[in-house]
Amino acid sequence: MAEINPVLVVVDVQNGFVTEHSRHVVPVIEQLVREWLEKGHDVVFTRYLNYHGSPFEKIMGWSKLKESPEIDIVDELQELSKQALAVVDKKVYTLFTEEGAELAREHGWTDMFVCGIDTEVCVLKTVVDAFERGVRAWLLTDASASHSGEPPHSAGVLVAQKMIGRQQTISVAELESHSRARKPEV
C-alpha cells in the first residue's frame, strides 16, 4: 500500500466568519490541530482578505473582511497558526492560490483533510480544487460550518459528496480509522 502524506487545511477561521452558527467548530478545530501537530503532520491555515474593488464588493456588494480584527484568525487558534507550516493569505475562495499550489507541489501531499468556515464556499472550493489536482480530498463535516447557519453547511456537504465522493466527507471521529486504513503502522 502506498504511503500517504497528509495535510490538514484550516480554512478561514477568522473573527469575521465566526457567528453563533459557526462558533461551535472552533474548539473542534483547535483540538484537531493540536493532535495533528503532535503527530508531526503538516498543517496549513488560510485567511481570506477582501479588498476595495474586489469582485465580492463590486458584484456581490459584500465588503467585509478587509481589516483587523475581522481578518484575524480567532484567538483560540492564533498560537497554533504560528506552529503551522504556513498561513496562506488569499483573495479568492480556495487554498490553491499561487502560494498554496506551490506548497502542495513542494510537499507532495497525497491527502488533504479540510475543515473551517464556510463549508459551502471556501471549504468546498478547496476540496474540489484538491480533487481536480489529483489529491485525495477529505471534507471534515463536524469541523466545518457556515457562518450563515446549518442549511448552507448541509448544502456544502451535499455538493462536496457529489463532486469529490460521498466517502470523502467524514467526521473527525472517522479520521483516525481512515488514516490507518490508508497507511500501514510504522
N, C-alpha and C. Protein backbone atom coordinates (compact mmCIF):
# COMPACT_ATOMS: atom_id res chain seq x y z
N MET A 1 0.85 -1.19 0.00
CA MET A 1 0.00 0.00 0.00
C MET A 1 0.89 1.24 0.00
N ALA A 2 0.55 2.19 -0.82
CA ALA A 2 1.33 3.42 -0.91
C ALA A 2 1.17 4.24 0.36
N GLU A 3 2.26 4.83 0.78
CA GLU A 3 2.23 5.66 1.97
C GLU A 3 1.56 6.99 1.65
N ILE A 4 0.83 7.50 2.63
CA ILE A 4 0.18 8.79 2.41
C ILE A 4 1.00 9.90 3.04
N ASN A 5 0.84 11.08 2.50
CA ASN A 5 1.48 12.28 3.02
C ASN A 5 0.36 13.29 3.22
N PRO A 6 -0.24 13.31 4.44
CA PRO A 6 -1.42 14.13 4.66
C PRO A 6 -1.11 15.56 5.10
N VAL A 7 -2.06 16.43 4.86
CA VAL A 7 -2.01 17.79 5.36
C VAL A 7 -3.41 18.13 5.89
N LEU A 8 -3.45 18.88 6.96
CA LEU A 8 -4.70 19.43 7.48
C LEU A 8 -4.76 20.88 7.05
N VAL A 9 -5.83 21.25 6.37
CA VAL A 9 -6.03 22.63 5.93
C VAL A 9 -7.18 23.23 6.72
N VAL A 10 -6.88 24.30 7.43
CA VAL A 10 -7.87 25.01 8.25
C VAL A 10 -8.23 26.28 7.49
N VAL A 11 -9.44 26.31 6.97
CA VAL A 11 -9.87 27.37 6.07
C VAL A 11 -10.61 28.49 6.81
N ASP A 12 -10.04 29.66 6.78
CA ASP A 12 -10.71 30.93 7.11
C ASP A 12 -11.43 30.95 8.46
N VAL A 13 -10.81 30.42 9.50
CA VAL A 13 -11.41 30.51 10.83
C VAL A 13 -10.97 31.85 11.42
N GLN A 14 -11.64 32.87 10.92
CA GLN A 14 -11.32 34.27 11.20
C GLN A 14 -12.47 34.92 11.96
N ASN A 15 -12.15 35.95 12.71
CA ASN A 15 -13.16 36.65 13.51
C ASN A 15 -14.38 37.04 12.68
N GLY A 16 -14.18 37.49 11.46
CA GLY A 16 -15.29 37.95 10.63
C GLY A 16 -16.22 36.86 10.15
N PHE A 17 -15.81 35.60 10.28
CA PHE A 17 -16.65 34.47 9.87
C PHE A 17 -17.24 33.70 11.05
N VAL A 18 -16.83 34.05 12.26
CA VAL A 18 -17.35 33.33 13.42
C VAL A 18 -18.61 34.03 13.91
N THR A 19 -19.71 33.26 13.88
CA THR A 19 -21.01 33.73 14.34
C THR A 19 -21.60 32.67 15.27
N GLU A 20 -22.80 32.91 15.71
CA GLU A 20 -23.49 31.91 16.55
C GLU A 20 -23.67 30.59 15.79
N HIS A 21 -23.64 30.63 14.47
CA HIS A 21 -23.82 29.43 13.65
C HIS A 21 -22.52 28.65 13.42
N SER A 22 -21.39 29.32 13.55
CA SER A 22 -20.12 28.66 13.25
C SER A 22 -19.19 28.52 14.45
N ARG A 23 -19.48 29.19 15.52
CA ARG A 23 -18.62 29.21 16.70
C ARG A 23 -18.33 27.81 17.26
N HIS A 24 -19.30 26.90 17.11
CA HIS A 24 -19.16 25.56 17.70
C HIS A 24 -18.01 24.75 17.11
N VAL A 25 -17.53 25.10 15.92
CA VAL A 25 -16.43 24.31 15.33
C VAL A 25 -15.06 24.77 15.81
N VAL A 26 -14.96 25.93 16.42
CA VAL A 26 -13.65 26.44 16.84
C VAL A 26 -12.96 25.48 17.81
N PRO A 27 -13.62 25.02 18.90
CA PRO A 27 -12.91 24.08 19.78
C PRO A 27 -12.63 22.73 19.12
N VAL A 28 -13.48 22.30 18.21
CA VAL A 28 -13.24 21.05 17.48
C VAL A 28 -11.97 21.19 16.64
N ILE A 29 -11.85 22.31 15.95
CA ILE A 29 -10.68 22.56 15.11
C ILE A 29 -9.44 22.73 15.98
N GLU A 30 -9.57 23.42 17.09
CA GLU A 30 -8.43 23.62 17.99
C GLU A 30 -7.86 22.27 18.44
N GLN A 31 -8.71 21.36 18.87
CA GLN A 31 -8.25 20.04 19.30
C GLN A 31 -7.64 19.26 18.14
N LEU A 32 -8.28 19.32 16.99
CA LEU A 32 -7.79 18.63 15.80
C LEU A 32 -6.39 19.12 15.41
N VAL A 33 -6.19 20.43 15.40
CA VAL A 33 -4.89 20.99 15.03
C VAL A 33 -3.83 20.56 16.05
N ARG A 34 -4.16 20.61 17.34
CA ARG A 34 -3.21 20.19 18.37
C ARG A 34 -2.76 18.75 18.13
N GLU A 35 -3.72 17.86 17.91
CA GLU A 35 -3.40 16.45 17.69
C GLU A 35 -2.59 16.26 16.41
N TRP A 36 -2.95 16.98 15.38
CA TRP A 36 -2.25 16.88 14.09
C TRP A 36 -0.79 17.30 14.24
N LEU A 37 -0.57 18.43 14.92
CA LEU A 37 0.79 18.92 15.13
C LEU A 37 1.60 17.97 16.00
N GLU A 38 0.96 17.40 17.04
CA GLU A 38 1.65 16.43 17.91
C GLU A 38 2.13 15.21 17.13
N LYS A 39 1.40 14.83 16.09
CA LYS A 39 1.79 13.68 15.26
C LYS A 39 2.85 14.06 14.23
N GLY A 40 3.18 15.34 14.15
CA GLY A 40 4.20 15.79 13.21
C GLY A 40 3.71 15.97 11.79
N HIS A 41 2.38 16.05 11.60
CA HIS A 41 1.83 16.25 10.26
C HIS A 41 1.78 17.74 9.91
N ASP A 42 1.78 18.02 8.62
CA ASP A 42 1.68 19.39 8.14
C ASP A 42 0.29 19.96 8.40
N VAL A 43 0.27 21.22 8.79
CA VAL A 43 -0.97 21.99 8.96
C VAL A 43 -0.79 23.30 8.21
N VAL A 44 -1.82 23.68 7.46
CA VAL A 44 -1.83 24.96 6.75
C VAL A 44 -3.12 25.68 7.10
N PHE A 45 -3.01 26.94 7.43
CA PHE A 45 -4.17 27.79 7.66
C PHE A 45 -4.35 28.70 6.45
N THR A 46 -5.58 29.10 6.18
CA THR A 46 -5.82 30.14 5.19
C THR A 46 -6.54 31.31 5.86
N ARG A 47 -6.33 32.47 5.28
CA ARG A 47 -7.04 33.69 5.70
C ARG A 47 -7.56 34.37 4.46
N TYR A 48 -8.85 34.63 4.44
CA TYR A 48 -9.43 35.38 3.33
C TYR A 48 -9.26 36.87 3.59
N LEU A 49 -8.78 37.60 2.58
CA LEU A 49 -8.60 39.04 2.68
C LEU A 49 -9.35 39.72 1.55
N ASN A 50 -10.42 40.42 1.88
CA ASN A 50 -11.18 41.16 0.88
C ASN A 50 -10.45 42.48 0.61
N TYR A 51 -10.78 43.14 -0.48
CA TYR A 51 -10.10 44.38 -0.82
C TYR A 51 -11.07 45.29 -1.59
N HIS A 52 -10.75 46.57 -1.60
CA HIS A 52 -11.58 47.55 -2.30
C HIS A 52 -11.59 47.22 -3.79
N GLY A 53 -12.77 47.13 -4.35
CA GLY A 53 -12.92 46.85 -5.78
C GLY A 53 -12.89 45.37 -6.12
N SER A 54 -12.89 44.51 -5.11
CA SER A 54 -12.89 43.06 -5.38
C SER A 54 -14.21 42.65 -6.04
N PRO A 55 -14.23 41.50 -6.71
CA PRO A 55 -15.49 41.01 -7.25
C PRO A 55 -16.55 40.82 -6.16
N PHE A 56 -16.09 40.46 -4.96
CA PHE A 56 -17.02 40.28 -3.84
C PHE A 56 -17.71 41.60 -3.51
N GLU A 57 -16.96 42.68 -3.57
CA GLU A 57 -17.51 44.00 -3.30
C GLU A 57 -18.31 44.53 -4.49
N LYS A 58 -17.72 44.48 -5.69
CA LYS A 58 -18.36 45.07 -6.87
C LYS A 58 -19.59 44.29 -7.34
N ILE A 59 -19.51 42.98 -7.34
CA ILE A 59 -20.60 42.17 -7.90
C ILE A 59 -21.60 41.75 -6.83
N MET A 60 -21.08 41.32 -5.69
CA MET A 60 -21.96 40.81 -4.63
C MET A 60 -22.36 41.88 -3.61
N GLY A 61 -21.65 43.00 -3.61
CA GLY A 61 -21.95 44.04 -2.63
C GLY A 61 -21.48 43.67 -1.24
N TRP A 62 -20.52 42.76 -1.14
CA TRP A 62 -20.03 42.28 0.15
C TRP A 62 -18.68 42.90 0.43
N SER A 63 -18.58 43.72 1.49
CA SER A 63 -17.35 44.47 1.72
C SER A 63 -16.72 44.18 3.08
N LYS A 64 -17.04 43.05 3.68
CA LYS A 64 -16.46 42.69 4.98
C LYS A 64 -15.07 42.08 4.79
N LEU A 65 -14.43 41.78 5.91
CA LEU A 65 -13.12 41.13 5.99
C LEU A 65 -12.03 41.88 5.22
N LYS A 66 -11.93 43.18 5.51
CA LYS A 66 -10.90 43.99 4.88
C LYS A 66 -9.78 44.37 5.84
N GLU A 67 -10.06 44.36 7.14
CA GLU A 67 -9.02 44.76 8.10
C GLU A 67 -9.23 44.07 9.44
N SER A 68 -8.21 44.22 10.29
CA SER A 68 -8.24 43.66 11.64
C SER A 68 -9.33 44.38 12.44
N PRO A 69 -10.04 43.71 13.29
CA PRO A 69 -9.88 42.33 13.76
C PRO A 69 -10.64 41.29 12.92
N GLU A 70 -11.45 41.75 11.92
CA GLU A 70 -12.23 40.79 11.12
C GLU A 70 -11.36 39.77 10.41
N ILE A 71 -10.21 40.18 9.87
CA ILE A 71 -9.37 39.27 9.09
C ILE A 71 -8.50 38.35 9.94
N ASP A 72 -8.42 38.63 11.24
CA ASP A 72 -7.53 37.87 12.12
C ASP A 72 -8.07 36.46 12.37
N ILE A 73 -7.16 35.50 12.42
CA ILE A 73 -7.52 34.15 12.86
C ILE A 73 -7.99 34.26 14.30
N VAL A 74 -9.02 33.51 14.66
CA VAL A 74 -9.60 33.60 16.01
C VAL A 74 -8.54 33.36 17.07
N ASP A 75 -8.74 33.99 18.23
CA ASP A 75 -7.77 33.91 19.33
C ASP A 75 -7.40 32.48 19.70
N GLU A 76 -8.38 31.58 19.73
CA GLU A 76 -8.13 30.20 20.14
C GLU A 76 -7.13 29.49 19.22
N LEU A 77 -6.99 29.96 18.00
CA LEU A 77 -6.11 29.31 17.02
C LEU A 77 -4.86 30.12 16.69
N GLN A 78 -4.73 31.31 17.28
CA GLN A 78 -3.59 32.18 16.95
C GLN A 78 -2.24 31.49 17.17
N GLU A 79 -2.01 30.96 18.35
CA GLU A 79 -0.72 30.32 18.65
C GLU A 79 -0.51 29.08 17.79
N LEU A 80 -1.56 28.32 17.58
CA LEU A 80 -1.43 27.12 16.74
C LEU A 80 -1.11 27.49 15.30
N SER A 81 -1.66 28.59 14.81
CA SER A 81 -1.37 29.01 13.43
C SER A 81 0.11 29.37 13.28
N LYS A 82 0.74 29.81 14.36
CA LYS A 82 2.17 30.14 14.31
C LYS A 82 3.03 28.87 14.25
N GLN A 83 2.47 27.73 14.65
CA GLN A 83 3.18 26.46 14.58
C GLN A 83 2.93 25.74 13.26
N ALA A 84 2.00 26.26 12.48
CA ALA A 84 1.65 25.63 11.21
C ALA A 84 2.77 25.81 10.19
N LEU A 85 2.76 24.98 9.18
CA LEU A 85 3.71 25.09 8.09
C LEU A 85 3.58 26.45 7.40
N ALA A 86 2.33 26.91 7.23
CA ALA A 86 2.10 28.19 6.56
C ALA A 86 0.72 28.73 6.91
N VAL A 87 0.60 30.04 6.78
CA VAL A 87 -0.70 30.71 6.77
C VAL A 87 -0.77 31.37 5.40
N VAL A 88 -1.68 30.88 4.57
CA VAL A 88 -1.81 31.38 3.21
C VAL A 88 -2.89 32.45 3.17
N ASP A 89 -2.48 33.68 2.88
CA ASP A 89 -3.43 34.76 2.68
C ASP A 89 -3.94 34.68 1.26
N LYS A 90 -5.26 34.83 1.10
CA LYS A 90 -5.85 34.66 -0.22
C LYS A 90 -6.94 35.69 -0.45
N LYS A 91 -7.17 36.00 -1.71
CA LYS A 91 -8.21 36.95 -2.09
C LYS A 91 -9.27 36.24 -2.93
N VAL A 92 -9.23 34.91 -2.91
CA VAL A 92 -10.17 34.06 -3.63
C VAL A 92 -10.68 33.00 -2.66
N TYR A 93 -11.59 32.16 -3.12
CA TYR A 93 -12.19 31.14 -2.25
C TYR A 93 -11.21 30.05 -1.82
N THR A 94 -10.33 29.62 -2.67
CA THR A 94 -9.57 28.39 -2.49
C THR A 94 -8.19 28.59 -1.86
N LEU A 95 -7.68 27.53 -1.26
CA LEU A 95 -6.28 27.47 -0.83
C LEU A 95 -5.35 27.59 -2.02
N PHE A 96 -5.81 27.13 -3.20
CA PHE A 96 -4.93 26.98 -4.35
C PHE A 96 -4.67 28.29 -5.08
N THR A 97 -4.12 29.25 -4.33
CA THR A 97 -3.54 30.44 -4.92
C THR A 97 -2.18 30.00 -5.46
N GLU A 98 -1.41 30.90 -5.99
CA GLU A 98 -0.06 30.55 -6.45
C GLU A 98 0.75 29.96 -5.28
N GLU A 99 0.68 30.61 -4.11
CA GLU A 99 1.41 30.12 -2.93
C GLU A 99 0.90 28.77 -2.46
N GLY A 100 -0.41 28.61 -2.39
CA GLY A 100 -0.99 27.34 -1.94
C GLY A 100 -0.69 26.20 -2.88
N ALA A 101 -0.77 26.45 -4.18
CA ALA A 101 -0.46 25.41 -5.17
C ALA A 101 1.00 25.01 -5.08
N GLU A 102 1.88 25.98 -4.88
CA GLU A 102 3.31 25.69 -4.75
C GLU A 102 3.58 24.86 -3.49
N LEU A 103 2.93 25.19 -2.39
CA LEU A 103 3.08 24.39 -1.17
C LEU A 103 2.68 22.94 -1.41
N ALA A 104 1.56 22.75 -2.10
CA ALA A 104 1.07 21.39 -2.38
C ALA A 104 2.07 20.63 -3.26
N ARG A 105 2.60 21.29 -4.27
CA ARG A 105 3.61 20.65 -5.14
C ARG A 105 4.87 20.33 -4.35
N GLU A 106 5.36 21.31 -3.64
CA GLU A 106 6.63 21.18 -2.90
C GLU A 106 6.57 20.06 -1.86
N HIS A 107 5.44 19.92 -1.19
CA HIS A 107 5.33 18.94 -0.10
C HIS A 107 4.75 17.61 -0.55
N GLY A 108 4.22 17.55 -1.76
CA GLY A 108 3.72 16.30 -2.30
C GLY A 108 2.61 15.66 -1.49
N TRP A 109 1.70 16.46 -0.99
CA TRP A 109 0.60 15.92 -0.20
C TRP A 109 -0.26 15.00 -1.04
N THR A 110 -0.57 13.84 -0.50
CA THR A 110 -1.43 12.88 -1.18
C THR A 110 -2.86 12.99 -0.72
N ASP A 111 -3.05 13.41 0.53
CA ASP A 111 -4.37 13.52 1.15
C ASP A 111 -4.48 14.88 1.82
N MET A 112 -5.59 15.57 1.55
CA MET A 112 -5.82 16.88 2.12
C MET A 112 -7.12 16.83 2.93
N PHE A 113 -6.98 16.97 4.24
CA PHE A 113 -8.12 16.98 5.16
C PHE A 113 -8.47 18.43 5.41
N VAL A 114 -9.69 18.82 5.04
CA VAL A 114 -10.06 20.23 5.02
C VAL A 114 -11.21 20.47 6.00
N CYS A 115 -11.05 21.55 6.78
CA CYS A 115 -12.10 21.97 7.71
C CYS A 115 -12.10 23.49 7.74
N GLY A 116 -13.12 24.06 8.36
CA GLY A 116 -13.15 25.51 8.52
C GLY A 116 -14.49 26.13 8.20
N ILE A 117 -14.43 27.39 7.82
CA ILE A 117 -15.61 28.21 7.59
C ILE A 117 -15.43 28.89 6.23
N ASP A 118 -16.31 28.86 5.39
CA ASP A 118 -17.66 28.37 5.24
C ASP A 118 -17.65 27.09 4.41
N THR A 119 -18.38 26.09 4.89
CA THR A 119 -18.42 24.80 4.22
C THR A 119 -18.83 24.93 2.76
N GLU A 120 -19.85 25.73 2.49
CA GLU A 120 -20.43 25.82 1.15
C GLU A 120 -19.65 26.74 0.21
N VAL A 121 -18.60 27.37 0.70
CA VAL A 121 -17.86 28.31 -0.13
C VAL A 121 -16.38 27.92 -0.16
N CYS A 122 -15.59 28.46 0.74
CA CYS A 122 -14.14 28.27 0.67
C CYS A 122 -13.70 26.85 1.00
N VAL A 123 -14.37 26.18 1.93
CA VAL A 123 -14.03 24.79 2.23
C VAL A 123 -14.35 23.93 1.01
N LEU A 124 -15.54 24.09 0.45
CA LEU A 124 -15.95 23.34 -0.74
C LEU A 124 -14.99 23.59 -1.91
N LYS A 125 -14.69 24.83 -2.19
CA LYS A 125 -13.81 25.16 -3.32
C LYS A 125 -12.42 24.54 -3.13
N THR A 126 -11.92 24.53 -1.90
CA THR A 126 -10.61 23.94 -1.64
C THR A 126 -10.61 22.44 -1.86
N VAL A 127 -11.65 21.72 -1.37
CA VAL A 127 -11.65 20.26 -1.57
C VAL A 127 -11.83 19.91 -3.04
N VAL A 128 -12.64 20.65 -3.75
CA VAL A 128 -12.84 20.38 -5.18
C VAL A 128 -11.55 20.67 -5.96
N ASP A 129 -10.89 21.77 -5.65
CA ASP A 129 -9.64 22.08 -6.34
C ASP A 129 -8.57 21.04 -6.04
N ALA A 130 -8.49 20.56 -4.80
CA ALA A 130 -7.54 19.49 -4.46
C ALA A 130 -7.85 18.24 -5.27
N PHE A 131 -9.11 17.85 -5.30
CA PHE A 131 -9.55 16.67 -6.06
C PHE A 131 -9.15 16.79 -7.53
N GLU A 132 -9.39 17.95 -8.12
CA GLU A 132 -9.08 18.14 -9.54
C GLU A 132 -7.57 18.13 -9.82
N ARG A 133 -6.78 18.30 -8.77
CA ARG A 133 -5.32 18.25 -8.91
C ARG A 133 -4.77 16.86 -8.56
N GLY A 134 -5.66 15.91 -8.33
CA GLY A 134 -5.24 14.54 -8.05
C GLY A 134 -4.89 14.27 -6.60
N VAL A 135 -5.22 15.20 -5.71
CA VAL A 135 -5.01 15.00 -4.28
C VAL A 135 -6.31 14.42 -3.71
N ARG A 136 -6.19 13.38 -2.88
CA ARG A 136 -7.39 12.81 -2.26
C ARG A 136 -7.88 13.82 -1.22
N ALA A 137 -9.03 14.42 -1.48
CA ALA A 137 -9.58 15.47 -0.62
C ALA A 137 -10.62 14.88 0.33
N TRP A 138 -10.56 15.32 1.57
CA TRP A 138 -11.49 14.88 2.61
C TRP A 138 -12.10 16.12 3.24
N LEU A 139 -13.42 16.19 3.31
CA LEU A 139 -14.09 17.29 4.00
C LEU A 139 -14.49 16.78 5.39
N LEU A 140 -13.98 17.43 6.43
CA LEU A 140 -14.30 17.07 7.81
C LEU A 140 -15.58 17.79 8.21
N THR A 141 -16.68 17.07 8.17
CA THR A 141 -18.00 17.68 8.27
C THR A 141 -18.29 18.34 9.62
N ASP A 142 -17.83 17.74 10.70
CA ASP A 142 -18.12 18.31 12.02
C ASP A 142 -17.05 19.29 12.49
N ALA A 143 -16.06 19.54 11.66
CA ALA A 143 -15.06 20.57 11.93
C ALA A 143 -15.20 21.70 10.91
N SER A 144 -16.35 21.73 10.25
CA SER A 144 -16.66 22.78 9.28
C SER A 144 -18.06 23.32 9.58
N ALA A 145 -18.28 24.56 9.21
CA ALA A 145 -19.58 25.19 9.45
C ALA A 145 -19.74 26.36 8.49
N SER A 146 -20.95 26.87 8.47
CA SER A 146 -21.24 28.10 7.72
C SER A 146 -21.61 29.19 8.71
N HIS A 147 -21.09 30.36 8.51
CA HIS A 147 -21.46 31.48 9.38
C HIS A 147 -22.93 31.87 9.16
N SER A 148 -23.52 31.35 8.09
CA SER A 148 -24.92 31.65 7.78
C SER A 148 -25.90 30.62 8.34
N GLY A 149 -25.41 29.52 8.91
CA GLY A 149 -26.30 28.55 9.52
C GLY A 149 -26.16 27.15 8.96
N GLU A 150 -26.98 26.26 9.47
CA GLU A 150 -26.94 24.85 9.11
C GLU A 150 -27.34 24.56 7.66
N PRO A 151 -28.40 25.18 7.11
CA PRO A 151 -28.76 24.85 5.72
C PRO A 151 -27.62 25.07 4.71
N PRO A 152 -26.90 26.19 4.75
CA PRO A 152 -25.78 26.32 3.81
C PRO A 152 -24.67 25.30 4.07
N HIS A 153 -24.39 25.00 5.35
CA HIS A 153 -23.39 23.97 5.67
C HIS A 153 -23.80 22.63 5.05
N SER A 154 -25.04 22.22 5.28
CA SER A 154 -25.53 20.95 4.74
C SER A 154 -25.49 20.94 3.22
N ALA A 155 -25.82 22.08 2.62
CA ALA A 155 -25.75 22.17 1.15
C ALA A 155 -24.31 21.98 0.68
N GLY A 156 -23.36 22.58 1.38
CA GLY A 156 -21.95 22.43 1.03
C GLY A 156 -21.48 20.99 1.11
N VAL A 157 -21.92 20.29 2.17
CA VAL A 157 -21.56 18.87 2.32
C VAL A 157 -22.17 18.06 1.18
N LEU A 158 -23.43 18.31 0.86
CA LEU A 158 -24.10 17.59 -0.22
C LEU A 158 -23.38 17.80 -1.56
N VAL A 159 -23.05 19.04 -1.87
CA VAL A 159 -22.36 19.32 -3.13
C VAL A 159 -20.97 18.66 -3.12
N ALA A 160 -20.27 18.70 -2.01
CA ALA A 160 -18.96 18.05 -1.92
C ALA A 160 -19.10 16.55 -2.17
N GLN A 161 -20.13 15.93 -1.62
CA GLN A 161 -20.33 14.49 -1.83
C GLN A 161 -20.52 14.18 -3.31
N LYS A 162 -21.21 15.05 -4.02
CA LYS A 162 -21.41 14.85 -5.46
C LYS A 162 -20.12 15.10 -6.25
N MET A 163 -19.30 16.04 -5.79
CA MET A 163 -18.13 16.44 -6.56
C MET A 163 -16.86 15.66 -6.25
N ILE A 164 -16.69 15.22 -4.99
CA ILE A 164 -15.46 14.50 -4.63
C ILE A 164 -15.73 13.09 -4.12
N GLY A 165 -17.00 12.75 -3.92
CA GLY A 165 -17.37 11.41 -3.47
C GLY A 165 -17.93 11.40 -2.06
N ARG A 166 -19.02 10.68 -1.89
CA ARG A 166 -19.68 10.60 -0.58
C ARG A 166 -18.72 10.12 0.51
N GLN A 167 -17.87 9.15 0.17
CA GLN A 167 -16.96 8.57 1.16
C GLN A 167 -15.86 9.56 1.57
N GLN A 168 -15.75 10.67 0.88
CA GLN A 168 -14.72 11.67 1.18
C GLN A 168 -15.19 12.73 2.15
N THR A 169 -16.44 12.63 2.61
CA THR A 169 -16.95 13.54 3.64
C THR A 169 -17.09 12.73 4.92
N ILE A 170 -16.25 13.04 5.90
CA ILE A 170 -16.18 12.24 7.12
C ILE A 170 -16.19 13.15 8.35
N SER A 171 -16.45 12.53 9.49
CA SER A 171 -16.36 13.24 10.76
C SER A 171 -14.94 13.15 11.30
N VAL A 172 -14.65 13.96 12.29
CA VAL A 172 -13.34 13.92 12.93
C VAL A 172 -13.12 12.54 13.56
N ALA A 173 -14.17 11.94 14.14
CA ALA A 173 -14.04 10.61 14.75
C ALA A 173 -13.63 9.56 13.71
N GLU A 174 -14.08 9.72 12.48
CA GLU A 174 -13.74 8.77 11.42
C GLU A 174 -12.34 8.99 10.85
N LEU A 175 -11.76 10.11 11.14
CA LEU A 175 -10.46 10.48 10.59
C LEU A 175 -9.38 9.45 10.90
N GLU A 176 -9.27 9.02 12.14
CA GLU A 176 -8.22 8.08 12.53
C GLU A 176 -8.35 6.75 11.82
N SER A 177 -9.57 6.23 11.71
CA SER A 177 -9.73 4.94 11.05
C SER A 177 -9.44 5.05 9.56
N HIS A 178 -9.77 6.18 8.94
CA HIS A 178 -9.45 6.37 7.52
C HIS A 178 -7.94 6.46 7.31
N SER A 179 -7.26 7.14 8.22
CA SER A 179 -5.81 7.27 8.09
C SER A 179 -5.13 5.91 8.25
N ARG A 180 -5.57 5.11 9.20
CA ARG A 180 -4.98 3.78 9.41
C ARG A 180 -5.23 2.88 8.22
N ALA A 181 -6.41 2.98 7.63
CA ALA A 181 -6.75 2.12 6.50
C ALA A 181 -5.89 2.43 5.28
N ARG A 182 -5.42 3.67 5.18
CA ARG A 182 -4.63 4.08 4.01
C ARG A 182 -3.12 4.02 4.27
N LYS A 183 -2.71 3.88 5.53
CA LYS A 183 -1.28 3.93 5.81
C LYS A 183 -0.91 2.83 6.82
N PRO A 184 0.01 1.98 6.48
CA PRO A 184 0.40 0.96 7.43
C PRO A 184 1.09 1.58 8.64
N GLU A 185 0.90 0.95 9.82
CA GLU A 185 1.56 1.44 11.03
C GLU A 185 3.07 1.28 10.89
N VAL A 186 3.79 2.25 11.40
CA VAL A 186 5.25 2.21 11.31
C VAL A 186 5.82 1.70 12.60
